[in-house]
Amino acid sequence: MPQASRYRDGMAAALPLAVAVVPFGMSFGVLARSAGMGRLAPVVMSATTFAGSAQFAAASILAAGGGLAAATVAAVLLNVRYGPIGLSVAGVLRGAPLARFVQAQLVVDESWAVANRGGRFDRKLLLGAGAVLYASWLLGTVAGVLAGDLLGDPERLGLDAAFPALFLALLVPQLRGRGERPAEPGPVPPGAARLAAWLRSHTALAAAVLGAAVALCLVPFSPPGLPIIAASVACLAGAGSAAAAVGATGGAPGREERR
């Protein structure tokens, strides 16, 4: 198959996603304007960061009166997942360091999922999908920044709920079809085996619930930004503890379905 065709396949696969990316980009542009970021900074942030959850978190913290340090730390913690994602596709990125850097900018959750072929990654699908998503996010941000004055107060339109809605949308697929897996055979006591099986099947759920609980407890009295930072740390700690518990009980960690 011609190389150009593979790029087009990636772009075509990302088009349905782009329909949702543009409105989210507009929401970010409006929220960023209301947070006092001006017109240029949100566009530059979208062009260089290209990470919706981190950008929404930073804009939300700034809009609530939080400091730049809290916004930056929250954004970094929310993007920790791109460490393993980047390592998984590093082998298919080609060219000089600068070329690889540019290609890596197009690696996001959705393009990674489009390019995933049973644990192997198609570079052309990855870049084709990433290019469409990047352009859609940037276009949406520009539209939101320019239309901010026309749309008025983001809270009146419900755009302040875009950030939590985004994370609910990411969480729901993780909860579907996660039935409990059978216990591993061996000398492990039944109770420990059941616990290991549950943790393997529900790590994302357990970490999400822990993070949500921490955030809910901190919101009433903590400064803006701290609940997001604490919740992110709690999620990472929860996932790590669950993985350690599985190892301690002798269960082999199950292979997560990649989306």
C-alpha atoms as a PDB file:
ATOM      1  CA  MET A   1       0.000   0.000   0.000  1.00  0.00           C
ATOM      2  CA  PRO A   2       1.403   3.454  -0.910  1.00  0.00           C
ATOM      3  CA  GLN A   3       2.787   5.447   1.979  1.00  0.00           C
ATOM      4  CA  ALA A   4       0.462   8.402   1.322  1.00  0.00           C
ATOM      5  CA  SER A   5      -2.520   6.072   1.613  1.00  0.00           C
ATOM      6  CA  ARG A   6      -1.524   5.069   5.150  1.00  0.00           C
ATOM      7  CA  TYR A   7      -1.309   8.718   6.177  1.00  0.00           C
ATOM      8  CA  ARG A   8      -4.760   9.283   4.685  1.00  0.00           C
ATOM      9  CA  ASP A   9      -6.096   6.262   6.581  1.00  0.00           C
ATOM     10  CA  GLY A  10      -4.888   7.783   9.825  1.00  0.00           C
ATOM     11  CA  MET A  11      -6.450  11.115   8.954  1.00  0.00           C
ATOM     12  CA  ALA A  12      -9.745   9.460   8.036  1.00  0.00           C
ATOM     13  CA  ALA A  13      -9.786   7.495  11.298  1.00  0.00           C
ATOM     14  CA  ALA A  14      -9.315  10.717  13.278  1.00  0.00           C
ATOM     15  CA  LEU A  15     -11.996  12.762  11.497  1.00  0.00           C
ATOM     16  CA  PRO A  16     -14.885  11.549  13.703  1.00  0.00           C
ATOM     17  CA  LEU A  17     -12.800  12.443  16.754  1.00  0.00           C
ATOM     18  CA  ALA A  18     -12.009  15.865  15.310  1.00  0.00           C
ATOM     19  CA  VAL A  19     -15.714  16.699  15.353  1.00  0.00           C
ATOM     20  CA  ALA A  20     -15.559  16.549  19.159  1.00  0.00           C
ATOM     21  CA  VAL A  21     -12.070  18.053  19.460  1.00  0.00           C
ATOM     22  CA  VAL A  22     -13.033  21.363  17.833  1.00  0.00           C
ATOM     23  CA  PRO A  23     -15.769  22.220  20.390  1.00  0.00           C
ATOM     24  CA  PHE A  24     -13.469  21.229  23.256  1.00  0.00           C
ATOM     25  CA  GLY A  25     -10.799  23.495  21.818  1.00  0.00           C
ATOM     26  CA  MET A  26     -13.337  26.301  21.645  1.00  0.00           C
ATOM     27  CA  SER A  27     -14.267  25.691  25.284  1.00  0.00           C
ATOM     28  CA  PHE A  28     -10.628  25.941  26.266  1.00  0.00           C
ATOM     29  CA  GLY A  29     -10.179  29.160  24.310  1.00  0.00           C
ATOM     30  CA  VAL A  30     -13.181  30.765  26.022  1.00  0.00           C
ATOM     31  CA  LEU A  31     -12.113  29.592  29.486  1.00  0.00           C
ATOM     32  CA  ALA A  32      -8.536  30.736  28.933  1.00  0.00           C
ATOM     33  CA  ARG A  33      -9.730  34.198  27.910  1.00  0.00           C
ATOM     34  CA  SER A  34     -11.928  34.421  30.998  1.00  0.00           C
ATOM     35  CA  ALA A  35      -8.943  33.378  33.129  1.00  0.00           C
ATOM     36  CA  GLY A  36      -7.031  36.439  31.934  1.00  0.00           C
ATOM     37  CA  MET A  37      -4.668  34.643  29.570  1.00  0.00           C
ATOM     38  CA  GLY A  38      -5.421  37.050  26.736  1.00  0.00           C
ATOM     39  CA  ARG A  39      -5.696  36.086  23.072  1.00  0.00           C
ATOM     40  CA  LEU A  40      -2.198  34.960  22.164  1.00  0.00           C
ATOM     41  CA  ALA A  41      -1.220  32.832  25.176  1.00  0.00           C
ATOM     42  CA  PRO A  42      -4.039  30.241  24.789  1.00  0.00           C
ATOM     43  CA  VAL A  43      -3.185  29.744  21.108  1.00  0.00           C
ATOM     44  CA  VAL A  44       0.534  29.380  21.860  1.00  0.00           C
ATOM     45  CA  MET A  45      -0.270  26.952  24.679  1.00  0.00           C
ATOM     46  CA  SER A  46      -2.409  24.805  22.385  1.00  0.00           C
ATOM     47  CA  ALA A  47       0.271  24.854  19.693  1.00  0.00           C
ATOM     48  CA  THR A  48       3.082  23.838  22.043  1.00  0.00           C
ATOM     49  CA  THR A  49       1.309  21.758  24.707  1.00  0.00           C
ATOM     50  CA  PHE A  50      -1.497  20.045  22.737  1.00  0.00           C
ATOM     51  CA  ALA A  51      -2.897  18.318  25.821  1.00  0.00           C
ATOM     52  CA  GLY A  52      -6.520  19.111  26.537  1.00  0.00           C
ATOM     53  CA  SER A  53      -6.756  17.841  30.104  1.00  0.00           C
ATOM     54  CA  ALA A  54      -3.612  19.661  31.207  1.00  0.00           C
ATOM     55  CA  GLN A  55      -4.669  22.885  29.486  1.00  0.00           C
ATOM     56  CA  PHE A  56      -8.152  22.781  30.996  1.00  0.00           C
ATOM     57  CA  ALA A  57      -6.623  22.192  34.428  1.00  0.00           C
ATOM     58  CA  ALA A  58      -4.227  25.122  34.096  1.00  0.00           C
ATOM     59  CA  ALA A  59      -6.936  27.473  32.831  1.00  0.00           C
ATOM     60  CA  SER A  60      -9.368  26.374  35.545  1.00  0.00           C
ATOM     61  CA  ILE A  61      -6.826  26.962  38.298  1.00  0.00           C
ATOM     62  CA  LEU A  62      -5.905  30.407  36.967  1.00  0.00           C
ATOM     63  CA  ALA A  63      -9.589  31.312  36.568  1.00  0.00           C
ATOM     64  CA  ALA A  64     -10.225  30.349  40.197  1.00  0.00           C
ATOM     65  CA  GLY A  65      -7.429  32.622  41.392  1.00  0.00           C
ATOM     66  CA  GLY A  66      -4.714  29.986  41.730  1.00  0.00           C
ATOM     67  CA  GLY A  67      -1.062  30.669  41.084  1.00  0.00           C
ATOM     68  CA  LEU A  68       1.085  29.845  38.076  1.00  0.00           C
ATOM     69  CA  ALA A  69       3.050  27.257  40.054  1.00  0.00           C
ATOM     70  CA  ALA A  70      -0.095  25.312  40.995  1.00  0.00           C
ATOM     71  CA  ALA A  71      -1.353  25.444  37.400  1.00  0.00           C
ATOM     72  CA  THR A  72       1.993  24.194  36.079  1.00  0.00           C
ATOM     73  CA  VAL A  73       2.326  21.343  38.591  1.00  0.00           C
ATOM     74  CA  ALA A  74      -1.245  20.181  37.927  1.00  0.00           C
ATOM     75  CA  ALA A  75      -0.655  20.209  34.171  1.00  0.00           C
ATOM     76  CA  VAL A  76       2.579  18.221  34.507  1.00  0.00           C
ATOM     77  CA  LEU A  77       0.955  15.604  36.758  1.00  0.00           C
ATOM     78  CA  LEU A  78      -1.946  15.165  34.361  1.00  0.00           C
ATOM     79  CA  ASN A  79       0.528  14.583  31.523  1.00  0.00           C
ATOM     80  CA  VAL A  80       2.623  11.968  33.334  1.00  0.00           C
ATOM     81  CA  ARG A  81       0.886   9.299  31.236  1.00  0.00           C
ATOM     82  CA  TYR A  82       2.712  10.587  28.158  1.00  0.00           C
ATOM     83  CA  GLY A  83       5.947   9.150  29.566  1.00  0.00           C
ATOM     84  CA  PRO A  84       5.013   5.506  28.927  1.00  0.00           C
ATOM     85  CA  ILE A  85       2.999   6.466  25.836  1.00  0.00           C
ATOM     86  CA  GLY A  86       6.091   8.164  24.380  1.00  0.00           C
ATOM     87  CA  LEU A  87       8.303   5.193  25.182  1.00  0.00           C
ATOM     88  CA  SER A  88       5.863   2.833  23.486  1.00  0.00           C
ATOM     89  CA  VAL A  89       6.069   4.699  20.149  1.00  0.00           C
ATOM     90  CA  ALA A  90       9.675   5.903  20.326  1.00  0.00           C
ATOM     91  CA  GLY A  91      10.880   3.061  18.123  1.00  0.00           C
ATOM     92  CA  VAL A  92       8.687   4.057  15.161  1.00  0.00           C
ATOM     93  CA  LEU A  93       9.615   7.757  15.083  1.00  0.00           C
ATOM     94  CA  ARG A  94      12.296   8.422  12.504  1.00  0.00           C
ATOM     95  CA  GLY A  95      14.781  11.080  11.490  1.00  0.00           C
ATOM     96  CA  ALA A  96      17.039  13.559  13.252  1.00  0.00           C
ATOM     97  CA  PRO A  97      16.265  14.644  16.837  1.00  0.00           C
ATOM     98  CA  LEU A  98      14.359  17.721  15.658  1.00  0.00           C
ATOM     99  CA  ALA A  99      12.246  15.645  13.257  1.00  0.00           C
ATOM    100  CA  ARG A 100      11.483  13.126  15.987  1.00  0.00           C
ATOM    101  CA  PHE A 101      10.547  15.973  18.313  1.00  0.00           C
ATOM    102  CA  VAL A 102       8.058  17.341  15.785  1.00  0.00           C
ATOM    103  CA  GLN A 103       6.571  13.884  15.237  1.00  0.00           C
ATOM    104  CA  ALA A 104       6.283  13.332  18.985  1.00  0.00           C
ATOM    105  CA  GLN A 105       4.160  16.482  19.225  1.00  0.00           C
ATOM    106  CA  LEU A 106       1.423  14.606  17.344  1.00  0.00           C
ATOM    107  CA  VAL A 107       1.328  11.731  19.845  1.00  0.00           C
ATOM    108  CA  VAL A 108      -1.820  12.051  21.965  1.00  0.00           C
ATOM    109  CA  ASP A 109      -4.184   9.488  23.452  1.00  0.00           C
ATOM    110  CA  GLU A 110      -6.395   9.321  20.367  1.00  0.00           C
ATOM    111  CA  SER A 111      -3.632   9.117  17.744  1.00  0.00           C
ATOM    112  CA  TRP A 112      -1.871   6.505  19.880  1.00  0.00           C
ATOM    113  CA  ALA A 113      -5.062   4.417  19.938  1.00  0.00           C
ATOM    114  CA  VAL A 114      -5.577   4.760  16.165  1.00  0.00           C
ATOM    115  CA  ALA A 115      -2.000   3.636  15.468  1.00  0.00           C
ATOM    116  CA  ASN A 116      -2.036   0.737  17.948  1.00  0.00           C
ATOM    117  CA  ARG A 117      -1.979  -2.597  16.181  1.00  0.00           C
ATOM    118  CA  GLY A 118      -1.885  -5.192  18.942  1.00  0.00           C
ATOM    119  CA  GLY A 119       1.008  -3.570  20.786  1.00  0.00           C
ATOM    120  CA  ARG A 120       2.802  -2.462  17.627  1.00  0.00           C
ATOM    121  CA  PHE A 121       2.391   1.024  16.221  1.00  0.00           C
ATOM    122  CA  ASP A 122       1.958   2.193  12.660  1.00  0.00           C
ATOM    123  CA  ARG A 123       3.934   5.415  12.263  1.00  0.00           C
ATOM    124  CA  LYS A 124       1.936   6.683   9.274  1.00  0.00           C
ATOM    125  CA  LEU A 125      -1.406   6.121  10.985  1.00  0.00           C
ATOM    126  CA  LEU A 126      -0.024   7.819  14.094  1.00  0.00           C
ATOM    127  CA  LEU A 127       1.131  10.923  12.260  1.00  0.00           C
ATOM    128  CA  GLY A 128      -1.921  11.135  10.006  1.00  0.00           C
ATOM    129  CA  ALA A 129      -4.329  10.957  12.928  1.00  0.00           C
ATOM    130  CA  GLY A 130      -2.200  13.265  15.052  1.00  0.00           C
ATOM    131  CA  ALA A 131      -2.059  15.935  12.346  1.00  0.00           C
ATOM    132  CA  VAL A 132      -5.863  16.066  12.051  1.00  0.00           C
ATOM    133  CA  LEU A 133      -6.329  16.205  15.826  1.00  0.00           C
ATOM    134  CA  TYR A 134      -3.639  18.871  16.213  1.00  0.00           C
ATOM    135  CA  ALA A 135      -5.199  21.082  13.549  1.00  0.00           C
ATOM    136  CA  SER A 136      -8.663  20.584  15.054  1.00  0.00           C
ATOM    137  CA  TRP A 137      -7.518  21.475  18.571  1.00  0.00           C
ATOM    138  CA  LEU A 138      -5.661  24.559  17.364  1.00  0.00           C
ATOM    139  CA  LEU A 139      -8.580  25.658  15.188  1.00  0.00           C
ATOM    140  CA  GLY A 140     -10.995  25.237  18.084  1.00  0.00           C
ATOM    141  CA  THR A 141      -8.757  27.229  20.408  1.00  0.00           C
ATOM    142  CA  VAL A 142      -8.466  30.104  17.942  1.00  0.00           C
ATOM    143  CA  ALA A 143     -12.238  30.122  17.429  1.00  0.00           C
ATOM    144  CA  GLY A 144     -12.851  30.112  21.182  1.00  0.00           C
ATOM    145  CA  VAL A 145     -10.404  32.931  21.795  1.00  0.00           C
ATOM    146  CA  LEU A 146     -11.920  35.076  19.059  1.00  0.00           C
ATOM    147  CA  ALA A 147     -15.520  34.270  19.988  1.00  0.00           C
ATOM    148  CA  GLY A 148     -15.007  34.694  23.718  1.00  0.00           C
ATOM    149  CA  ASP A 149     -16.355  38.240  23.791  1.00  0.00           C
ATOM    150  CA  LEU A 150     -19.439  37.198  21.824  1.00  0.00           C
ATOM    151  CA  LEU A 151     -20.265  34.192  23.969  1.00  0.00           C
ATOM    152  CA  GLY A 152     -20.047  36.023  27.293  1.00  0.00           C
ATOM    153  CA  ASP A 153     -19.635  34.372  30.699  1.00  0.00           C
ATOM    154  CA  PRO A 154     -18.381  30.751  30.349  1.00  0.00           C
ATOM    155  CA  GLU A 155     -20.310  29.700  33.460  1.00  0.00           C
ATOM    156  CA  ARG A 156     -23.572  30.877  31.922  1.00  0.00           C
ATOM    157  CA  LEU A 157     -22.943  28.522  29.001  1.00  0.00           C
ATOM    158  CA  GLY A 158     -21.841  25.680  31.232  1.00  0.00           C
ATOM    159  CA  LEU A 159     -18.304  25.701  29.813  1.00  0.00           C
ATOM    160  CA  ASP A 160     -16.901  25.609  33.337  1.00  0.00           C
ATOM    161  CA  ALA A 161     -18.114  22.002  33.412  1.00  0.00           C
ATOM    162  CA  ALA A 162     -16.106  21.041  30.322  1.00  0.00           C
ATOM    163  CA  PHE A 163     -13.056  19.993  32.353  1.00  0.00           C
ATOM    164  CA  PRO A 164     -14.829  17.521  34.680  1.00  0.00           C
ATOM    165  CA  ALA A 165     -16.962  16.318  31.750  1.00  0.00           C
ATOM    166  CA  LEU A 166     -13.786  15.531  29.818  1.00  0.00           C
ATOM    167  CA  PHE A 167     -12.490  13.320  32.616  1.00  0.00           C
ATOM    168  CA  LEU A 168     -15.831  11.563  33.033  1.00  0.00           C
ATOM    169  CA  ALA A 169     -15.734  10.803  29.307  1.00  0.00           C
ATOM    170  CA  LEU A 170     -12.250   9.324  29.732  1.00  0.00           C
ATOM    171  CA  LEU A 171     -13.278   7.296  32.782  1.00  0.00           C
ATOM    172  CA  VAL A 172     -16.465   5.706  31.428  1.00  0.00           C
ATOM    173  CA  PRO A 173     -14.718   3.516  28.793  1.00  0.00           C
ATOM    174  CA  GLN A 174     -12.396   2.253  31.515  1.00  0.00           C
ATOM    175  CA  LEU A 175     -15.375   1.027  33.520  1.00  0.00           C
ATOM    176  CA  ARG A 176     -17.075  -0.851  30.685  1.00  0.00           C
ATOM    177  CA  GLY A 177     -16.544  -4.546  30.416  1.00  0.00           C
ATOM    178  CA  ARG A 178     -14.296  -4.811  33.431  1.00  0.00           C
ATOM    179  CA  GLY A 179     -15.645  -8.008  34.844  1.00  0.00           C
ATOM    180  CA  GLU A 180     -13.603  -9.699  37.513  1.00  0.00           C
ATOM    181  CA  ARG A 181     -10.988 -12.074  36.137  1.00  0.00           C
ATOM    182  CA  PRO A 182     -10.526 -15.564  37.536  1.00  0.00           C
ATOM    183  CA  ALA A 183      -7.942 -16.089  40.248  1.00  0.00           C
ATOM    184  CA  GLU A 184      -4.545 -17.356  39.183  1.00  0.00           C
ATOM    185  CA  PRO A 185      -3.904 -21.052  39.996  1.00  0.00           C
ATOM    186  CA  GLY A 186      -1.284 -21.808  42.604  1.00  0.00           C
ATOM    187  CA  PRO A 187      -0.645 -21.829  46.324  1.00  0.00           C
ATOM    188  CA  VAL A 188      -2.005 -18.314  46.871  1.00  0.00           C
ATOM    189  CA  PRO A 189      -4.792 -18.216  49.504  1.00  0.00           C
ATOM    190  CA  PRO A 190      -8.237 -17.684  47.921  1.00  0.00           C
ATOM    191  CA  GLY A 191      -8.820 -14.330  49.640  1.00  0.00           C
ATOM    192  CA  ALA A 192      -5.543 -12.880  48.391  1.00  0.00           C
ATOM    193  CA  ALA A 193      -6.153 -14.300  44.924  1.00  0.00           C
ATOM    194  CA  ARG A 194      -9.568 -12.662  44.752  1.00  0.00           C
ATOM    195  CA  LEU A 195      -8.072  -9.354  45.874  1.00  0.00           C
ATOM    196  CA  ALA A 196      -5.346  -9.562  43.224  1.00  0.00           C
ATOM    197  CA  ALA A 197      -7.913 -10.366  40.532  1.00  0.00           C
ATOM    198  CA  TRP A 198     -10.103  -7.461  41.600  1.00  0.00           C
ATOM    199  CA  LEU A 199      -7.167  -5.033  41.603  1.00  0.00           C
ATOM    200  CA  ARG A 200      -6.089  -6.144  38.142  1.00  0.00           C
ATOM    201  CA  SER A 201      -9.593  -5.570  36.804  1.00  0.00           C
ATOM    202  CA  HIS A 202     -10.407  -2.364  38.682  1.00  0.00           C
ATOM    203  CA  THR A 203      -7.136  -0.472  39.086  1.00  0.00           C
ATOM    204  CA  ALA A 204      -8.401   2.509  37.083  1.00  0.00           C
ATOM    205  CA  LEU A 205     -11.655   2.607  39.056  1.00  0.00           C
ATOM    206  CA  ALA A 206      -9.936   2.355  42.443  1.00  0.00           C
ATOM    207  CA  ALA A 207      -7.430   5.085  41.557  1.00  0.00           C
ATOM    208  CA  ALA A 208     -10.181   7.346  40.175  1.00  0.00           C
ATOM    209  CA  VAL A 209     -12.349   6.945  43.278  1.00  0.00           C
ATOM    210  CA  LEU A 210      -9.368   7.688  45.515  1.00  0.00           C
ATOM    211  CA  GLY A 211      -8.513  10.816  43.536  1.00  0.00           C
ATOM    212  CA  ALA A 212     -12.117  12.018  43.547  1.00  0.00           C
ATOM    213  CA  ALA A 213     -12.409  11.511  47.292  1.00  0.00           C
ATOM    214  CA  VAL A 214      -9.240  13.488  47.950  1.00  0.00           C
ATOM    215  CA  ALA A 215     -10.400  16.336  45.705  1.00  0.00           C
ATOM    216  CA  LEU A 216     -13.858  16.494  47.302  1.00  0.00           C
ATOM    217  CA  CYS A 217     -12.331  16.695  50.773  1.00  0.00           C
ATOM    218  CA  LEU A 218      -9.935  19.492  49.803  1.00  0.00           C
ATOM    219  CA  VAL A 219     -12.168  21.714  47.640  1.00  0.00           C
ATOM    220  CA  PRO A 220     -14.062  23.459  50.497  1.00  0.00           C
ATOM    221  CA  PHE A 221     -10.986  24.873  52.229  1.00  0.00           C
ATOM    222  CA  SER A 222      -7.847  24.464  50.101  1.00  0.00           C
ATOM    223  CA  PRO A 223      -6.441  27.082  47.708  1.00  0.00           C
ATOM    224  CA  PRO A 224      -7.233  26.749  43.969  1.00  0.00           C
ATOM    225  CA  GLY A 225      -5.146  24.126  42.239  1.00  0.00           C
ATOM    226  CA  LEU A 226      -4.320  22.033  45.296  1.00  0.00           C
ATOM    227  CA  PRO A 227      -7.290  19.639  44.898  1.00  0.00           C
ATOM    228  CA  ILE A 228      -6.257  18.813  41.318  1.00  0.00           C
ATOM    229  CA  ILE A 229      -2.627  18.295  42.325  1.00  0.00           C
ATOM    230  CA  ALA A 230      -3.538  16.147  45.327  1.00  0.00           C
ATOM    231  CA  ALA A 231      -6.054  14.120  43.317  1.00  0.00           C
ATOM    232  CA  SER A 232      -3.475  13.464  40.588  1.00  0.00           C
ATOM    233  CA  VAL A 233      -0.911  12.312  43.135  1.00  0.00           C
ATOM    234  CA  ALA A 234      -3.543  10.132  44.821  1.00  0.00           C
ATOM    235  CA  CYS A 235      -4.438   8.510  41.497  1.00  0.00           C
ATOM    236  CA  LEU A 236      -0.792   7.735  40.773  1.00  0.00           C
ATOM    237  CA  ALA A 237      -0.260   6.424  44.299  1.00  0.00           C
ATOM    238  CA  GLY A 238      -3.441   4.348  44.119  1.00  0.00           C
ATOM    239  CA  ALA A 239      -2.464   2.773  40.820  1.00  0.00           C
ATOM    240  CA  GLY A 240       1.033   2.052  42.130  1.00  0.00           C
ATOM    241  CA  SER A 241      -0.283   0.523  45.355  1.00  0.00           C
ATOM    242  CA  ALA A 242      -2.688  -1.687  43.434  1.00  0.00           C
ATOM    243  CA  ALA A 243       0.116  -2.897  41.177  1.00  0.00           C
ATOM    244  CA  ALA A 244       2.301  -3.600  44.220  1.00  0.00           C
ATOM    245  CA  ALA A 245      -0.537  -5.508  45.870  1.00  0.00           C
ATOM    246  CA  VAL A 246      -0.910  -7.686  42.798  1.00  0.00           C
ATOM    247  CA  GLY A 247       2.808  -8.433  42.851  1.00  0.00           C
ATOM    248  CA  ALA A 248       2.752  -9.190  46.579  1.00  0.00           C
ATOM    249  CA  THR A 249      -0.003 -11.769  46.136  1.00  0.00           C
ATOM    250  CA  GLY A 250       1.843 -13.448  43.298  1.00  0.00           C
ATOM    251  CA  GLY A 251      -0.716 -12.579  40.644  1.00  0.00           C
ATOM    252  CA  ALA A 252       0.568 -11.752  37.219  1.00  0.00           C
ATOM    253  CA  PRO A 253      -0.711  -8.371  36.208  1.00  0.00           C
ATOM    254  CA  GLY A 254      -3.299  -8.617  33.460  1.00  0.00           C
ATOM    255  CA  ARG A 255      -2.706  -6.896  30.172  1.00  0.00           C
ATOM    256  CA  GLU A 256      -4.870  -3.806  30.012  1.00  0.00           C
ATOM    257  CA  GLU A 257      -6.953  -3.262  26.929  1.00  0.00           C
ATOM    258  CA  ARG A 258      -5.508  -0.358  24.986  1.00  0.00           C
ATOM    259  CA  ARG A 259      -8.010   2.151  23.667  1.00  0.00           C
END
